[in-house]
Amino acid sequence: MIRIAVFSLVGLTFSFVVNNHKINYEASLVAITIWSALNISIFLYKTLKATPTR
C-alpha cells in the first residue's frame, strides 16, 4: 500500500516537472495515464492475491 502511494507520488511529481518545464504536455498526460494504470493493476493484483480463492 505504501509502495503504491510512493509510485503514484513519483508519477505525479514527474508529470508536474514535465508540465512546469513545458516539455510536451501530451507526454505528461501519457505519463499520468501509464502511472495510474500501473497503480490500479498492482492494487487489483494485490487485492486479488490477498483474498483466498474458493
Protein backbone atom coordinates (compact mmCIF):
# COMPACT_ATOMS: atom_id res chain seq x y z
CA MET A 1 0.00 0.00 0.00
CA ILE A 2 2.81 2.41 0.90
CA ARG A 3 4.69 1.37 -2.23
CA ILE A 4 1.64 2.20 -4.37
CA ALA A 5 1.41 5.65 -2.77
CA VAL A 6 5.11 6.24 -3.44
CA PHE A 7 4.69 5.17 -7.07
CA SER A 8 1.74 7.50 -7.58
CA LEU A 9 3.63 10.36 -5.90
CA VAL A 10 6.64 9.78 -8.17
CA GLY A 11 4.36 9.73 -11.21
CA LEU A 12 2.61 12.94 -10.16
CA THR A 13 5.89 14.75 -9.46
CA PHE A 14 7.27 13.57 -12.80
CA SER A 15 4.21 14.88 -14.64
CA PHE A 16 4.36 18.17 -12.70
CA VAL A 17 8.03 18.60 -13.64
CA VAL A 18 7.18 17.93 -17.28
CA ASN A 19 4.35 20.47 -17.09
CA ASN A 20 6.45 23.13 -15.37
CA HIS A 21 9.24 22.82 -17.94
CA LYS A 22 6.57 22.69 -20.67
CA ILE A 23 8.11 19.63 -22.32
CA ASN A 24 5.28 18.24 -24.44
CA TYR A 25 2.03 18.47 -22.45
CA GLU A 26 0.77 15.30 -24.12
CA ALA A 27 3.75 13.35 -22.80
CA SER A 28 2.80 14.27 -19.23
CA LEU A 29 -0.78 13.11 -19.88
CA VAL A 30 0.56 9.81 -21.19
CA ALA A 31 2.79 9.51 -18.12
CA ILE A 32 -0.17 10.14 -15.80
CA THR A 33 -2.25 7.55 -17.64
CA ILE A 34 0.53 4.95 -17.53
CA TRP A 35 1.21 5.58 -13.83
CA SER A 36 -2.47 5.35 -12.88
CA ALA A 37 -2.92 2.17 -14.94
CA LEU A 38 0.13 0.61 -13.28
CA ASN A 39 -1.07 1.60 -9.81
CA ILE A 40 -4.57 0.25 -10.43
CA SER A 41 -3.26 -3.04 -11.85
CA ILE A 42 -0.83 -3.50 -8.93
CA PHE A 43 -3.59 -2.68 -6.43
CA LEU A 44 -6.03 -5.12 -8.08
CA TYR A 45 -3.36 -7.82 -8.27
CA LYS A 46 -2.51 -7.47 -4.57
CA THR A 47 -6.18 -7.36 -3.61
CA LEU A 48 -7.00 -10.48 -5.61
CA LYS A 49 -3.87 -12.22 -4.30
CA ALA A 50 -4.77 -11.34 -0.69
CA THR A 51 -8.28 -12.78 -0.94
CA PRO A 52 -8.31 -16.59 -0.67
CA THR A 53 -9.64 -18.40 -3.72
CA ARG A 54 -12.67 -20.60 -3.15
